Amino acid sequence: MQNTVALVGFDDLTLADVLVPGVTVVTQDVTRLGQLATDLLFARLDGDDSPARTHVLATGLVIRGCGELRPVPASAVS
């Protein structure tokens, strides 16, 4: 019996779509993340002493097939 591992990664990989099966990934907007971090850093350096707060950035899901593999029942594993 061939073992196949379901895999879901965080952040896209360069070759994620070339692998068989392709690796399903959760994507993020790294440009927006960096921009927000920079804005917050410079605000602090300029004297912003407001309380810590949470920022939520959108993510995406790129389905390529690997994360959708059904688990093998324990009784089928030898």
PDB file of N, CA and C in Angstrom:
ATOM      1  N   MET A   1       0.839  -1.162   0.000  1.00  0.00           N
ATOM      2  CA  MET A   1       0.000   0.000   0.000  1.00  0.00           C
ATOM      3  C   MET A   1       0.897   1.243   0.000  1.00  0.00           C
ATOM      4  N   GLN A   2       0.580   2.189  -0.850  1.00  0.00           N
ATOM      5  CA  GLN A   2       1.350   3.425  -0.925  1.00  0.00           C
ATOM      6  C   GLN A   2       0.805   4.418   0.094  1.00  0.00           C
ATOM      7  N   ASN A   3       1.689   5.006   0.901  1.00  0.00           N
ATOM      8  CA  ASN A   3       1.273   6.025   1.854  1.00  0.00           C
ATOM      9  C   ASN A   3       1.242   7.374   1.156  1.00  0.00           C
ATOM     10  N   THR A   4       0.148   8.093   1.304  1.00  0.00           N
ATOM     11  CA  THR A   4       0.016   9.425   0.753  1.00  0.00           C
ATOM     12  C   THR A   4      -0.333  10.360   1.890  1.00  0.00           C
ATOM     13  N   VAL A   5       0.375  11.452   1.981  1.00  0.00           N
ATOM     14  CA  VAL A   5       0.173  12.395   3.064  1.00  0.00           C
ATOM     15  C   VAL A   5      -0.576  13.607   2.546  1.00  0.00           C
ATOM     16  N   ALA A   6      -1.660  13.965   3.234  1.00  0.00           N
ATOM     17  CA  ALA A   6      -2.364  15.199   2.913  1.00  0.00           C
ATOM     18  C   ALA A   6      -1.561  16.343   3.519  1.00  0.00           C
ATOM     19  N   LEU A   7      -1.370  17.399   2.760  1.00  0.00           N
ATOM     20  CA  LEU A   7      -0.530  18.496   3.216  1.00  0.00           C
ATOM     21  C   LEU A   7      -1.166  19.819   2.829  1.00  0.00           C
ATOM     22  N   VAL A   8      -1.279  20.713   3.796  1.00  0.00           N
ATOM     23  CA  VAL A   8      -1.725  22.080   3.537  1.00  0.00           C
ATOM     24  C   VAL A   8      -0.659  22.981   4.130  1.00  0.00           C
ATOM     25  N   GLY A   9      -0.126  23.887   3.315  1.00  0.00           N
ATOM     26  CA  GLY A   9       0.912  24.783   3.772  1.00  0.00           C
ATOM     27  C   GLY A   9       0.386  26.185   4.027  1.00  0.00           C
ATOM     28  N   PHE A  10       1.177  26.970   4.714  1.00  0.00           N
ATOM     29  CA  PHE A  10       0.836  28.365   4.942  1.00  0.00           C
ATOM     30  C   PHE A  10       1.814  29.208   4.154  1.00  0.00           C
ATOM     31  N   ASP A  11       1.298  30.041   3.290  1.00  0.00           N
ATOM     32  CA  ASP A  11       2.035  30.883   2.362  1.00  0.00           C
ATOM     33  C   ASP A  11       2.398  30.023   1.145  1.00  0.00           C
ATOM     34  N   ASP A  12       2.327  30.622   0.002  1.00  0.00           N
ATOM     35  CA  ASP A  12       2.489  29.863  -1.229  1.00  0.00           C
ATOM     36  C   ASP A  12       3.945  29.500  -1.460  1.00  0.00           C
ATOM     37  N   LEU A  13       4.167  28.341  -2.026  1.00  0.00           N
ATOM     38  CA  LEU A  13       5.496  27.863  -2.371  1.00  0.00           C
ATOM     39  C   LEU A  13       5.699  28.023  -3.863  1.00  0.00           C
ATOM     40  N   THR A  14       6.906  28.231  -4.283  1.00  0.00           N
ATOM     41  CA  THR A  14       7.195  28.417  -5.699  1.00  0.00           C
ATOM     42  C   THR A  14       6.742  27.221  -6.532  1.00  0.00           C
ATOM     43  N   LEU A  15       6.958  26.022  -6.056  1.00  0.00           N
ATOM     44  CA  LEU A  15       6.649  24.823  -6.837  1.00  0.00           C
ATOM     45  C   LEU A  15       5.393  24.093  -6.348  1.00  0.00           C
ATOM     46  N   ALA A  16       4.549  24.757  -5.576  1.00  0.00           N
ATOM     47  CA  ALA A  16       3.385  24.091  -4.995  1.00  0.00           C
ATOM     48  C   ALA A  16       2.454  23.510  -6.047  1.00  0.00           C
ATOM     49  N   ASP A  17       2.363  24.155  -7.197  1.00  0.00           N
ATOM     50  CA  ASP A  17       1.453  23.661  -8.235  1.00  0.00           C
ATOM     51  C   ASP A  17       2.106  22.625  -9.138  1.00  0.00           C
ATOM     52  N   VAL A  18       3.412  22.428  -9.019  1.00  0.00           N
ATOM     53  CA  VAL A  18       4.116  21.465  -9.861  1.00  0.00           C
ATOM     54  C   VAL A  18       4.139  20.078  -9.215  1.00  0.00           C
ATOM     55  N   LEU A  19       4.113  20.022  -7.897  1.00  0.00           N
ATOM     56  CA  LEU A  19       4.135  18.742  -7.194  1.00  0.00           C
ATOM     57  C   LEU A  19       2.866  17.952  -7.494  1.00  0.00           C
ATOM     58  N   VAL A  20       2.953  16.637  -7.378  1.00  0.00           N
ATOM     59  CA  VAL A  20       1.798  15.781  -7.622  1.00  0.00           C
ATOM     60  C   VAL A  20       1.511  14.991  -6.358  1.00  0.00           C
ATOM     61  N   PRO A  21       0.371  15.164  -5.708  1.00  0.00           N
ATOM     62  CA  PRO A  21      -0.615  16.188  -6.025  1.00  0.00           C
ATOM     63  C   PRO A  21      -0.103  17.559  -5.596  1.00  0.00           C
ATOM     64  N   GLY A  22      -0.667  18.600  -6.190  1.00  0.00           N
ATOM     65  CA  GLY A  22      -0.272  19.964  -5.849  1.00  0.00           C
ATOM     66  C   GLY A  22      -0.544  20.258  -4.383  1.00  0.00           C
ATOM     67  N   VAL A  23       0.276  21.103  -3.782  1.00  0.00           N
ATOM     68  CA  VAL A  23       0.136  21.420  -2.367  1.00  0.00           C
ATOM     69  C   VAL A  23      -0.901  22.530  -2.185  1.00  0.00           C
ATOM     70  N   THR A  24      -1.930  22.248  -1.421  1.00  0.00           N
ATOM     71  CA  THR A  24      -2.935  23.245  -1.077  1.00  0.00           C
ATOM     72  C   THR A  24      -2.315  24.204  -0.068  1.00  0.00           C
ATOM     73  N   VAL A  25      -2.551  25.502  -0.239  1.00  0.00           N
ATOM     74  CA  VAL A  25      -1.935  26.487   0.655  1.00  0.00           C
ATOM     75  C   VAL A  25      -2.919  27.561   1.092  1.00  0.00           C
ATOM     76  N   VAL A  26      -2.648  28.110   2.251  1.00  0.00           N
ATOM     77  CA  VAL A  26      -3.319  29.311   2.728  1.00  0.00           C
ATOM     78  C   VAL A  26      -2.398  30.460   2.342  1.00  0.00           C
ATOM     79  N   THR A  27      -2.938  31.436   1.614  1.00  0.00           N
ATOM     80  CA  THR A  27      -2.118  32.554   1.153  1.00  0.00           C
ATOM     81  C   THR A  27      -2.359  33.788   2.012  1.00  0.00           C
ATOM     82  N   GLN A  28      -1.408  34.692   1.970  1.00  0.00           N
ATOM     83  CA  GLN A  28      -1.533  35.956   2.672  1.00  0.00           C
ATOM     84  C   GLN A  28      -0.954  37.056   1.795  1.00  0.00           C
ATOM     85  N   ASP A  29      -1.403  38.265   2.019  1.00  0.00           N
ATOM     86  CA  ASP A  29      -0.914  39.423   1.265  1.00  0.00           C
ATOM     87  C   ASP A  29       0.319  39.963   1.989  1.00  0.00           C
ATOM     88  N   VAL A  30       1.499  39.465   1.610  1.00  0.00           N
ATOM     89  CA  VAL A  30       2.726  39.849   2.303  1.00  0.00           C
ATOM     90  C   VAL A  30       3.053  41.326   2.111  1.00  0.00           C
ATOM     91  N   THR A  31       2.653  41.891   0.988  1.00  0.00           N
ATOM     92  CA  THR A  31       2.879  43.316   0.770  1.00  0.00           C
ATOM     93  C   THR A  31       2.079  44.132   1.780  1.00  0.00           C
ATOM     94  N   ARG A  32       0.802  43.807   1.946  1.00  0.00           N
ATOM     95  CA  ARG A  32      -0.043  44.515   2.906  1.00  0.00           C
ATOM     96  C   ARG A  32       0.441  44.276   4.329  1.00  0.00           C
ATOM     97  N   LEU A  33       0.869  43.065   4.636  1.00  0.00           N
ATOM     98  CA  LEU A  33       1.385  42.743   5.958  1.00  0.00           C
ATOM     99  C   LEU A  33       2.615  43.595   6.274  1.00  0.00           C
ATOM    100  N   GLY A  34       3.538  43.685   5.334  1.00  0.00           N
ATOM    101  CA  GLY A  34       4.740  44.500   5.514  1.00  0.00           C
ATOM    102  C   GLY A  34       4.415  45.978   5.631  1.00  0.00           C
ATOM    103  N   GLN A  35       3.466  46.445   4.823  1.00  0.00           N
ATOM    104  CA  GLN A  35       3.061  47.844   4.865  1.00  0.00           C
ATOM    105  C   GLN A  35       2.460  48.195   6.227  1.00  0.00           C
ATOM    106  N   LEU A  36       1.585  47.337   6.723  1.00  0.00           N
ATOM    107  CA  LEU A  36       0.957  47.568   8.016  1.00  0.00           C
ATOM    108  C   LEU A  36       2.003  47.568   9.132  1.00  0.00           C
ATOM    109  N   ALA A  37       2.899  46.604   9.106  1.00  0.00           N
ATOM    110  CA  ALA A  37       3.952  46.531  10.130  1.00  0.00           C
ATOM    111  C   ALA A  37       4.825  47.781  10.107  1.00  0.00           C
ATOM    112  N   THR A  38       5.169  48.243   8.920  1.00  0.00           N
ATOM    113  CA  THR A  38       5.989  49.451   8.785  1.00  0.00           C
ATOM    114  C   THR A  38       5.248  50.678   9.301  1.00  0.00           C
ATOM    115  N   ASP A  39       3.968  50.804   8.928  1.00  0.00           N
ATOM    116  CA  ASP A  39       3.173  51.937   9.398  1.00  0.00           C
ATOM    117  C   ASP A  39       3.093  51.956  10.924  1.00  0.00           C
ATOM    118  N   LEU A  40       2.861  50.784  11.522  1.00  0.00           N
ATOM    119  CA  LEU A  40       2.763  50.710  12.979  1.00  0.00           C
ATOM    120  C   LEU A  40       4.101  51.017  13.648  1.00  0.00           C
ATOM    121  N   LEU A  41       5.180  50.542  13.076  1.00  0.00           N
ATOM    122  CA  LEU A  41       6.512  50.797  13.618  1.00  0.00           C
ATOM    123  C   LEU A  41       6.816  52.290  13.600  1.00  0.00           C
ATOM    124  N   PHE A  42       6.589  52.931  12.451  1.00  0.00           N
ATOM    125  CA  PHE A  42       6.895  54.360  12.355  1.00  0.00           C
ATOM    126  C   PHE A  42       5.978  55.193  13.242  1.00  0.00           C
ATOM    127  N   ALA A  43       4.736  54.749  13.423  1.00  0.00           N
ATOM    128  CA  ALA A  43       3.837  55.459  14.334  1.00  0.00           C
ATOM    129  C   ALA A  43       4.384  55.395  15.761  1.00  0.00           C
ATOM    130  N   ARG A  44       4.870  54.230  16.164  1.00  0.00           N
ATOM    131  CA  ARG A  44       5.467  54.095  17.505  1.00  0.00           C
ATOM    132  C   ARG A  44       6.711  54.974  17.637  1.00  0.00           C
ATOM    133  N   LEU A  45       7.534  54.982  16.610  1.00  0.00           N
ATOM    134  CA  LEU A  45       8.741  55.806  16.647  1.00  0.00           C
ATOM    135  C   LEU A  45       8.408  57.292  16.706  1.00  0.00           C
ATOM    136  N   ASP A  46       7.249  57.667  16.155  1.00  0.00           N
ATOM    137  CA  ASP A  46       6.806  59.065  16.196  1.00  0.00           C
ATOM    138  C   ASP A  46       6.074  59.402  17.490  1.00  0.00           C
ATOM    139  N   GLY A  47       6.011  58.454  18.435  1.00  0.00           N
ATOM    140  CA  GLY A  47       5.431  58.744  19.733  1.00  0.00           C
ATOM    141  C   GLY A  47       4.061  58.161  20.006  1.00  0.00           C
ATOM    142  N   ASP A  48       3.509  57.393  19.087  1.00  0.00           N
ATOM    143  CA  ASP A  48       2.204  56.763  19.329  1.00  0.00           C
ATOM    144  C   ASP A  48       2.338  55.801  20.506  1.00  0.00           C
ATOM    145  N   ASP A  49       1.618  56.067  21.576  1.00  0.00           N
ATOM    146  CA  ASP A  49       1.666  55.173  22.727  1.00  0.00           C
ATOM    147  C   ASP A  49       0.289  54.587  23.030  1.00  0.00           C
ATOM    148  N   SER A  50      -0.509  54.442  21.987  1.00  0.00           N
ATOM    149  CA  SER A  50      -1.839  53.846  22.146  1.00  0.00           C
ATOM    150  C   SER A  50      -1.702  52.379  22.549  1.00  0.00           C
ATOM    151  N   PRO A  51      -2.740  51.828  23.177  1.00  0.00           N
ATOM    152  CA  PRO A  51      -2.675  50.420  23.595  1.00  0.00           C
ATOM    153  C   PRO A  51      -2.511  49.480  22.387  1.00  0.00           C
ATOM    154  N   ALA A  52      -1.985  48.326  22.676  1.00  0.00           N
ATOM    155  CA  ALA A  52      -1.848  47.311  21.623  1.00  0.00           C
ATOM    156  C   ALA A  52      -3.227  46.979  21.063  1.00  0.00           C
ATOM    157  N   ARG A  53      -3.272  46.674  19.784  1.00  0.00           N
ATOM    158  CA  ARG A  53      -4.536  46.324  19.149  1.00  0.00           C
ATOM    159  C   ARG A  53      -4.288  45.193  18.141  1.00  0.00           C
ATOM    160  N   THR A  54      -5.355  44.583  17.740  1.00  0.00           N
ATOM    161  CA  THR A  54      -5.278  43.466  16.802  1.00  0.00           C
ATOM    162  C   THR A  54      -5.656  43.931  15.410  1.00  0.00           C
ATOM    163  N   HIS A  55      -4.894  43.492  14.425  1.00  0.00           N
ATOM    164  CA  HIS A  55      -5.198  43.763  13.022  1.00  0.00           C
ATOM    165  C   HIS A  55      -5.414  42.425  12.343  1.00  0.00           C
ATOM    166  N   VAL A  56      -6.475  42.312  11.605  1.00  0.00           N
ATOM    167  CA  VAL A  56      -6.784  41.069  10.907  1.00  0.00           C
ATOM    168  C   VAL A  56      -6.687  41.327   9.412  1.00  0.00           C
ATOM    169  N   LEU A  57      -5.836  40.568   8.754  1.00  0.00           N
ATOM    170  CA  LEU A  57      -5.689  40.679   7.304  1.00  0.00           C
ATOM    171  C   LEU A  57      -6.309  39.442   6.656  1.00  0.00           C
ATOM    172  N   ALA A  58      -6.883  39.647   5.510  1.00  0.00           N
ATOM    173  CA  ALA A  58      -7.534  38.545   4.794  1.00  0.00           C
ATOM    174  C   ALA A  58      -6.517  37.507   4.332  1.00  0.00           C
ATOM    175  N   THR A  59      -6.952  36.278   4.298  1.00  0.00           N
ATOM    176  CA  THR A  59      -6.154  35.198   3.731  1.00  0.00           C
ATOM    177  C   THR A  59      -6.968  34.546   2.625  1.00  0.00           C
ATOM    178  N   GLY A  60      -6.324  33.707   1.855  1.00  0.00           N
ATOM    179  CA  GLY A  60      -7.009  32.983   0.794  1.00  0.00           C
ATOM    180  C   GLY A  60      -6.657  31.506   0.882  1.00  0.00           C
ATOM    181  N   LEU A  61      -7.381  30.710   0.168  1.00  0.00           N
ATOM    182  CA  LEU A  61      -7.116  29.274   0.127  1.00  0.00           C
ATOM    183  C   LEU A  61      -6.967  28.865  -1.326  1.00  0.00           C
ATOM    184  N   VAL A  62      -5.794  28.332  -1.670  1.00  0.00           N
ATOM    185  CA  VAL A  62      -5.541  27.846  -3.030  1.00  0.00           C
ATOM    186  C   VAL A  62      -5.576  26.324  -2.967  1.00  0.00           C
ATOM    187  N   ILE A  63      -6.647  25.760  -3.487  1.00  0.00           N
ATOM    188  CA  ILE A  63      -6.840  24.304  -3.435  1.00  0.00           C
ATOM    189  C   ILE A  63      -6.165  23.670  -4.646  1.00  0.00           C
ATOM    190  N   ARG A  64      -5.215  22.787  -4.367  1.00  0.00           N
ATOM    191  CA  ARG A  64      -4.486  22.131  -5.452  1.00  0.00           C
ATOM    192  C   ARG A  64      -4.574  20.615  -5.381  1.00  0.00           C
ATOM    193  N   GLY A  65      -5.249  20.087  -4.378  1.00  0.00           N
ATOM    194  CA  GLY A  65      -5.465  18.646  -4.351  1.00  0.00           C
ATOM    195  C   GLY A  65      -4.851  17.896  -3.196  1.00  0.00           C
ATOM    196  N   CYS A  66      -3.766  18.355  -2.641  1.00  0.00           N
ATOM    197  CA  CYS A  66      -3.083  17.581  -1.608  1.00  0.00           C
ATOM    198  C   CYS A  66      -3.833  17.579  -0.286  1.00  0.00           C
ATOM    199  N   GLY A  67      -4.391  18.699   0.107  1.00  0.00           N
ATOM    200  CA  GLY A  67      -5.077  18.785   1.388  1.00  0.00           C
ATOM    201  C   GLY A  67      -6.418  18.109   1.401  1.00  0.00           C
ATOM    202  N   GLU A  68      -6.887  17.677   0.245  1.00  0.00           N
ATOM    203  CA  GLU A  68      -8.211  17.076   0.146  1.00  0.00           C
ATOM    204  C   GLU A  68      -8.164  15.559   0.155  1.00  0.00           C
ATOM    205  N   LEU A  69      -6.998  14.983   0.373  1.00  0.00           N
ATOM    206  CA  LEU A  69      -6.886  13.525   0.414  1.00  0.00           C
ATOM    207  C   LEU A  69      -7.594  13.002   1.655  1.00  0.00           C
ATOM    208  N   ARG A  70      -8.408  12.004   1.472  1.00  0.00           N
ATOM    209  CA  ARG A  70      -9.152  11.436   2.591  1.00  0.00           C
ATOM    210  C   ARG A  70      -8.217  10.573   3.443  1.00  0.00           C
ATOM    211  N   PRO A  71      -8.388  10.609   4.767  1.00  0.00           N
ATOM    212  CA  PRO A  71      -7.533   9.797   5.620  1.00  0.00           C
ATOM    213  C   PRO A  71      -7.815   8.312   5.409  1.00  0.00           C
ATOM    214  N   VAL A  72      -6.780   7.535   5.624  1.00  0.00           N
ATOM    215  CA  VAL A  72      -6.904   6.074   5.518  1.00  0.00           C
ATOM    216  C   VAL A  72      -7.335   5.570   6.884  1.00  0.00           C
ATOM    217  N   PRO A  73      -8.390   4.738   6.939  1.00  0.00           N
ATOM    218  CA  PRO A  73      -8.832   4.198   8.239  1.00  0.00           C
ATOM    219  C   PRO A  73      -7.700   3.413   8.905  1.00  0.00           C
ATOM    220  N   ALA A  74      -7.610   3.518  10.225  1.00  0.00           N
ATOM    221  CA  ALA A  74      -6.565   2.824  10.977  1.00  0.00           C
ATOM    222  C   ALA A  74      -6.589   1.328  10.718  1.00  0.00           C
ATOM    223  N   SER A  75      -7.749   0.763  10.476  1.00  0.00           N
ATOM    224  CA  SER A  75      -7.854  -0.683  10.243  1.00  0.00           C
ATOM    225  C   SER A  75      -7.218  -1.096   8.922  1.00  0.00           C
ATOM    226  N   ALA A  76      -7.026  -0.130   7.985  1.00  0.00           N
ATOM    227  CA  ALA A  76      -6.445  -0.444   6.688  1.00  0.00           C
ATOM    228  C   ALA A  76      -4.923  -0.326   6.699  1.00  0.00           C
ATOM    229  N   VAL A  77      -4.371   0.236   7.764  1.00  0.00           N
ATOM    230  CA  VAL A  77      -2.906   0.405   7.867  1.00  0.00           C
ATOM    231  C   VAL A  77      -2.320  -0.836   8.491  1.00  0.00           C
ATOM    232  N   SER A  78      -1.291  -1.378   7.806  1.00  0.00           N
ATOM    233  CA  SER A  78      -0.694  -2.605   8.348  1.00  0.00           C
ATOM    234  C   SER A  78       0.593  -2.337   9.062  1.00  0.00           C
TER     235      SER A  78
END
